[in-house]
Structure formats: structure tokens, C-alpha cells
Amino acid sequence: ELLPLSKGSASRALLACLRDHLRVTDVVDRIVAKSPLSLLKTYVQEHRDNFVNLDGNRLPKGHDPATCPGYVYETAGREWFGFPNAIVERVVGGRGALAELRRQLDSLGLIKTAKGGRDGDRYATKVKVGSKRVYLLSLDSSAFD
């Protein structure tokens, strides 16, 4: 017998180890979070000061859209936060969580869409970033109030 523990004792010991590991590796916040939106809200709170304002402002020197933490811009009287898709996918924990976030925000009218996707609307829309147009996931900033 490798472990002289009852099934219940082994389960409790394993869970205690896992909880301790998660505390040490600082992943607890991701697991405790209730939804992809709450994860993204935390990300916005932590990084909002580093978002690039696209409303007539020049881009910072050496700007790279792929690594930009986010953008803020106004269109049609609404303020939007724009994100490279890969960043949101990483923040919320993968493609499934990203799909859930898109559905949730779409049902609330808080995500920008474009016609022409294979399965209906597309969630990544082209936004002018400097002299280029890049695809961003654009979310109404009121979702983060």
C-alpha cells in the first residue's frame, strides 16, 4: 500500500495541497472569480491607466498593438474599451470563457459587432489605431463601472 490513508483522508489531503499550491502560485484569484467578466473587470482596474487613448492622440513611440493592454475611444456617443483578442482570451482563461463573455456582453448590448461572420455577427471589429486598422474586441466602457 503506497498511501496508508482512507479515501476521505486522501481526498482532503490532496485538496489541501492543491489549495496551498494555488495560494503560492497566485492563481487563486482566477479560480475564485465568478465569471469571465469579473476577471476582465479586474484586469481593466489594474491596467486602465496604461490604455492608449485613440481619440486624436498620437500613439506612444514604439507602440505594438499586439502587446497593448487596451485602448479607449469614442464612437457614436459611447466610450469603448478595445482589446486585442489574444489578451482577453488570456485574461479570462481560454476560448470557452471568451465565448461565454462575448455571449453575455452581446445579450446586454455591450459589445461591438460587425456583420458578415460565418455564424452571424463578428465580435472583432476594425478600429483605427494610428495609421492602421486593427481588429479589436470592443466593449462598452459602462460594463466596467
C-alpha atoms as a PDB file:
ATOM      1  CA  GLU A   1       0.000   0.000   0.000  1.00  0.00           C
ATOM      2  CA  LEU A   2       1.527   3.257  -1.155  1.00  0.00           C
ATOM      3  CA  LEU A   3      -0.559   5.644   0.962  1.00  0.00           C
ATOM      4  CA  PRO A   4      -1.965   4.283   4.215  1.00  0.00           C
ATOM      5  CA  LEU A   5      -4.866   6.775   4.143  1.00  0.00           C
ATOM      6  CA  SER A   6      -8.579   6.246   3.818  1.00  0.00           C
ATOM      7  CA  LYS A   7     -10.228   7.538   0.656  1.00  0.00           C
ATOM      8  CA  GLY A   8     -11.687  10.529   2.514  1.00  0.00           C
ATOM      9  CA  SER A   9      -8.392  11.403   4.207  1.00  0.00           C
ATOM     10  CA  ALA A  10      -6.504  11.168   0.925  1.00  0.00           C
ATOM     11  CA  SER A  11      -9.052  13.431  -0.793  1.00  0.00           C
ATOM     12  CA  ARG A  12      -8.825  16.049   1.967  1.00  0.00           C
ATOM     13  CA  ALA A  13      -5.021  15.910   1.927  1.00  0.00           C
ATOM     14  CA  LEU A  14      -4.922  16.296  -1.850  1.00  0.00           C
ATOM     15  CA  LEU A  15      -7.312  19.265  -1.758  1.00  0.00           C
ATOM     16  CA  ALA A  16      -5.252  20.916   0.993  1.00  0.00           C
ATOM     17  CA  CYS A  17      -2.105  20.510  -1.140  1.00  0.00           C
ATOM     18  CA  LEU A  18      -3.843  21.930  -4.186  1.00  0.00           C
ATOM     19  CA  ARG A  19      -5.170  24.962  -2.255  1.00  0.00           C
ATOM     20  CA  ASP A  20      -1.702  25.637  -0.833  1.00  0.00           C
ATOM     21  CA  HIS A  21      -0.155  25.315  -4.275  1.00  0.00           C
ATOM     22  CA  LEU A  22      -2.651  27.746  -5.772  1.00  0.00           C
ATOM     23  CA  ARG A  23      -2.003  30.259  -2.999  1.00  0.00           C
ATOM     24  CA  VAL A  24       1.713  30.056  -3.637  1.00  0.00           C
ATOM     25  CA  THR A  25       1.381  30.332  -7.405  1.00  0.00           C
ATOM     26  CA  ASP A  26      -1.085  33.251  -7.161  1.00  0.00           C
ATOM     27  CA  VAL A  27      -3.735  31.544  -9.284  1.00  0.00           C
ATOM     28  CA  VAL A  28      -6.415  31.571  -6.598  1.00  0.00           C
ATOM     29  CA  ASP A  29      -7.918  34.821  -7.949  1.00  0.00           C
ATOM     30  CA  ARG A  30      -8.676  33.176 -11.292  1.00  0.00           C
ATOM     31  CA  ILE A  31     -10.381  30.200  -9.683  1.00  0.00           C
ATOM     32  CA  VAL A  32     -12.321  32.209  -7.105  1.00  0.00           C
ATOM     33  CA  ALA A  33     -13.641  34.645  -9.723  1.00  0.00           C
ATOM     34  CA  LYS A  34     -17.251  34.054 -10.582  1.00  0.00           C
ATOM     35  CA  SER A  35     -17.171  34.851 -14.276  1.00  0.00           C
ATOM     36  CA  PRO A  36     -15.007  35.863 -17.234  1.00  0.00           C
ATOM     37  CA  LEU A  37     -16.474  39.366 -16.898  1.00  0.00           C
ATOM     38  CA  SER A  38     -15.255  39.686 -13.302  1.00  0.00           C
ATOM     39  CA  LEU A  39     -11.770  38.620 -14.430  1.00  0.00           C
ATOM     40  CA  LEU A  40     -11.807  41.224 -17.195  1.00  0.00           C
ATOM     41  CA  LYS A  41     -13.098  43.887 -14.792  1.00  0.00           C
ATOM     42  CA  THR A  42     -10.141  43.188 -12.506  1.00  0.00           C
ATOM     43  CA  TYR A  43      -7.784  43.422 -15.488  1.00  0.00           C
ATOM     44  CA  VAL A  44      -9.283  46.787 -16.518  1.00  0.00           C
ATOM     45  CA  GLN A  45      -8.954  48.141 -12.953  1.00  0.00           C
ATOM     46  CA  GLU A  46      -5.292  47.116 -12.869  1.00  0.00           C
ATOM     47  CA  HIS A  47      -4.347  48.309 -16.385  1.00  0.00           C
ATOM     48  CA  ARG A  48      -6.755  51.164 -17.231  1.00  0.00           C
ATOM     49  CA  ASP A  49      -4.080  53.837 -16.693  1.00  0.00           C
ATOM     50  CA  ASN A  50      -1.984  52.185 -19.436  1.00  0.00           C
ATOM     51  CA  PHE A  51      -4.739  52.078 -22.081  1.00  0.00           C
ATOM     52  CA  VAL A  52      -3.931  54.090 -25.191  1.00  0.00           C
ATOM     53  CA  ASN A  53      -6.451  56.824 -25.995  1.00  0.00           C
ATOM     54  CA  LEU A  54      -7.274  56.724 -29.720  1.00  0.00           C
ATOM     55  CA  ASP A  55      -9.341  59.923 -29.856  1.00  0.00           C
ATOM     56  CA  GLY A  56      -6.973  62.136 -31.827  1.00  0.00           C
ATOM     57  CA  ASN A  57      -3.910  61.289 -29.781  1.00  0.00           C
ATOM     58  CA  ARG A  58      -0.627  60.075 -31.213  1.00  0.00           C
ATOM     59  CA  LEU A  59       0.445  56.559 -30.417  1.00  0.00           C
ATOM     60  CA  PRO A  60       3.312  56.156 -27.976  1.00  0.00           C
ATOM     61  CA  LYS A  61       6.719  55.675 -29.604  1.00  0.00           C
ATOM     62  CA  GLY A  62       7.333  52.006 -30.442  1.00  0.00           C
ATOM     63  CA  HIS A  63       3.666  51.129 -29.969  1.00  0.00           C
ATOM     64  CA  ASP A  64       2.793  47.483 -30.707  1.00  0.00           C
ATOM     65  CA  PRO A  65      -0.947  46.684 -30.980  1.00  0.00           C
ATOM     66  CA  ALA A  66      -0.311  43.007 -30.179  1.00  0.00           C
ATOM     67  CA  THR A  67       1.012  43.822 -26.704  1.00  0.00           C
ATOM     68  CA  CYS A  68      -1.045  46.916 -25.890  1.00  0.00           C
ATOM     69  CA  PRO A  69      -3.047  46.301 -22.685  1.00  0.00           C
ATOM     70  CA  GLY A  70      -6.057  48.077 -24.160  1.00  0.00           C
ATOM     71  CA  TYR A  71      -7.425  51.113 -25.953  1.00  0.00           C
ATOM     72  CA  VAL A  72     -10.081  53.658 -25.159  1.00  0.00           C
ATOM     73  CA  TYR A  73     -12.002  55.531 -27.849  1.00  0.00           C
ATOM     74  CA  GLU A  74     -15.338  57.181 -28.506  1.00  0.00           C
ATOM     75  CA  THR A  75     -17.718  56.483 -31.338  1.00  0.00           C
ATOM     76  CA  ALA A  76     -21.439  57.164 -31.761  1.00  0.00           C
ATOM     77  CA  GLY A  77     -21.503  58.932 -28.386  1.00  0.00           C
ATOM     78  CA  ARG A  78     -20.287  55.909 -26.444  1.00  0.00           C
ATOM     79  CA  GLU A  79     -16.926  55.224 -24.848  1.00  0.00           C
ATOM     80  CA  TRP A  80     -15.396  51.860 -25.789  1.00  0.00           C
ATOM     81  CA  PHE A  81     -12.520  49.798 -24.487  1.00  0.00           C
ATOM     82  CA  GLY A  82     -10.777  47.876 -27.260  1.00  0.00           C
ATOM     83  CA  PHE A  83      -8.593  44.832 -26.685  1.00  0.00           C
ATOM     84  CA  PRO A  84      -6.552  42.515 -28.852  1.00  0.00           C
ATOM     85  CA  ASN A  85      -8.433  39.217 -28.812  1.00  0.00           C
ATOM     86  CA  ALA A  86      -5.423  37.256 -27.502  1.00  0.00           C
ATOM     87  CA  ILE A  87      -5.175  39.448 -24.400  1.00  0.00           C
ATOM     88  CA  VAL A  88      -8.833  38.962 -23.450  1.00  0.00           C
ATOM     89  CA  GLU A  89      -8.579  35.219 -24.070  1.00  0.00           C
ATOM     90  CA  ARG A  90      -5.553  35.016 -21.753  1.00  0.00           C
ATOM     91  CA  VAL A  91      -7.182  37.182 -19.055  1.00  0.00           C
ATOM     92  CA  VAL A  92     -10.466  35.258 -18.912  1.00  0.00           C
ATOM     93  CA  GLY A  93      -8.888  31.809 -19.071  1.00  0.00           C
ATOM     94  CA  GLY A  94      -9.267  30.492 -22.614  1.00  0.00           C
ATOM     95  CA  ARG A  95     -11.512  30.283 -25.646  1.00  0.00           C
ATOM     96  CA  GLY A  96     -14.528  28.837 -23.862  1.00  0.00           C
ATOM     97  CA  ALA A  97     -14.509  31.636 -21.284  1.00  0.00           C
ATOM     98  CA  LEU A  98     -14.042  34.199 -24.051  1.00  0.00           C
ATOM     99  CA  ALA A  99     -17.057  32.804 -25.919  1.00  0.00           C
ATOM    100  CA  GLU A 100     -19.108  32.993 -22.704  1.00  0.00           C
ATOM    101  CA  LEU A 101     -18.009  36.607 -22.152  1.00  0.00           C
ATOM    102  CA  ARG A 102     -18.962  37.565 -25.718  1.00  0.00           C
ATOM    103  CA  ARG A 103     -22.424  35.993 -25.382  1.00  0.00           C
ATOM    104  CA  GLN A 104     -23.017  37.679 -22.036  1.00  0.00           C
ATOM    105  CA  LEU A 105     -21.991  41.135 -23.270  1.00  0.00           C
ATOM    106  CA  ASP A 106     -23.849  40.688 -26.568  1.00  0.00           C
ATOM    107  CA  SER A 107     -27.076  39.905 -24.696  1.00  0.00           C
ATOM    108  CA  LEU A 108     -26.613  43.178 -22.782  1.00  0.00           C
ATOM    109  CA  GLY A 109     -25.736  45.215 -25.893  1.00  0.00           C
ATOM    110  CA  LEU A 110     -22.267  45.998 -24.519  1.00  0.00           C
ATOM    111  CA  ILE A 111     -20.083  44.513 -27.263  1.00  0.00           C
ATOM    112  CA  LYS A 112     -19.475  45.954 -30.710  1.00  0.00           C
ATOM    113  CA  THR A 113     -20.278  43.619 -33.594  1.00  0.00           C
ATOM    114  CA  ALA A 114     -19.829  43.607 -37.363  1.00  0.00           C
ATOM    115  CA  LYS A 115     -21.972  41.792 -39.891  1.00  0.00           C
ATOM    116  CA  GLY A 116     -20.555  39.008 -42.003  1.00  0.00           C
ATOM    117  CA  GLY A 117     -19.289  36.312 -39.695  1.00  0.00           C
ATOM    118  CA  ARG A 118     -19.709  32.672 -40.705  1.00  0.00           C
ATOM    119  CA  ASP A 119     -22.115  32.079 -37.852  1.00  0.00           C
ATOM    120  CA  GLY A 120     -23.673  35.563 -37.754  1.00  0.00           C
ATOM    121  CA  ASP A 121     -22.126  38.676 -36.302  1.00  0.00           C
ATOM    122  CA  ARG A 122     -18.396  39.003 -35.726  1.00  0.00           C
ATOM    123  CA  TYR A 123     -17.190  40.310 -32.402  1.00  0.00           C
ATOM    124  CA  ALA A 124     -13.802  41.571 -33.589  1.00  0.00           C
ATOM    125  CA  THR A 125     -14.266  44.917 -35.327  1.00  0.00           C
ATOM    126  CA  LYS A 126     -11.744  47.058 -37.193  1.00  0.00           C
ATOM    127  CA  VAL A 127     -10.612  50.126 -35.279  1.00  0.00           C
ATOM    128  CA  LYS A 128      -8.188  52.774 -36.493  1.00  0.00           C
ATOM    129  CA  VAL A 129      -5.013  52.544 -34.433  1.00  0.00           C
ATOM    130  CA  GLY A 130      -2.593  55.170 -35.724  1.00  0.00           C
ATOM    131  CA  SER A 131      -2.422  54.790 -39.495  1.00  0.00           C
ATOM    132  CA  LYS A 132      -3.617  51.158 -39.464  1.00  0.00           C
ATOM    133  CA  ARG A 133      -6.937  49.469 -38.902  1.00  0.00           C
ATOM    134  CA  VAL A 134      -6.678  46.556 -36.497  1.00  0.00           C
ATOM    135  CA  TYR A 135      -9.203  44.034 -35.215  1.00  0.00           C
ATOM    136  CA  LEU A 136     -10.183  44.638 -31.612  1.00  0.00           C
ATOM    137  CA  LEU A 137     -12.745  43.215 -29.249  1.00  0.00           C
ATOM    138  CA  SER A 138     -14.586  46.448 -28.361  1.00  0.00           C
ATOM    139  CA  LEU A 139     -16.631  46.602 -25.172  1.00  0.00           C
ATOM    140  CA  ASP A 140     -18.770  49.449 -23.888  1.00  0.00           C
ATOM    141  CA  SER A 141     -16.861  51.036 -21.008  1.00  0.00           C
ATOM    142  CA  SER A 142     -20.066  51.104 -18.902  1.00  0.00           C
ATOM    143  CA  ALA A 143     -19.630  47.343 -18.436  1.00  0.00           C
ATOM    144  CA  PHE A 144     -16.706  48.180 -16.140  1.00  0.00           C
ATOM    145  CA  ASP A 145     -18.381  50.773 -13.899  1.00  0.00           C
END
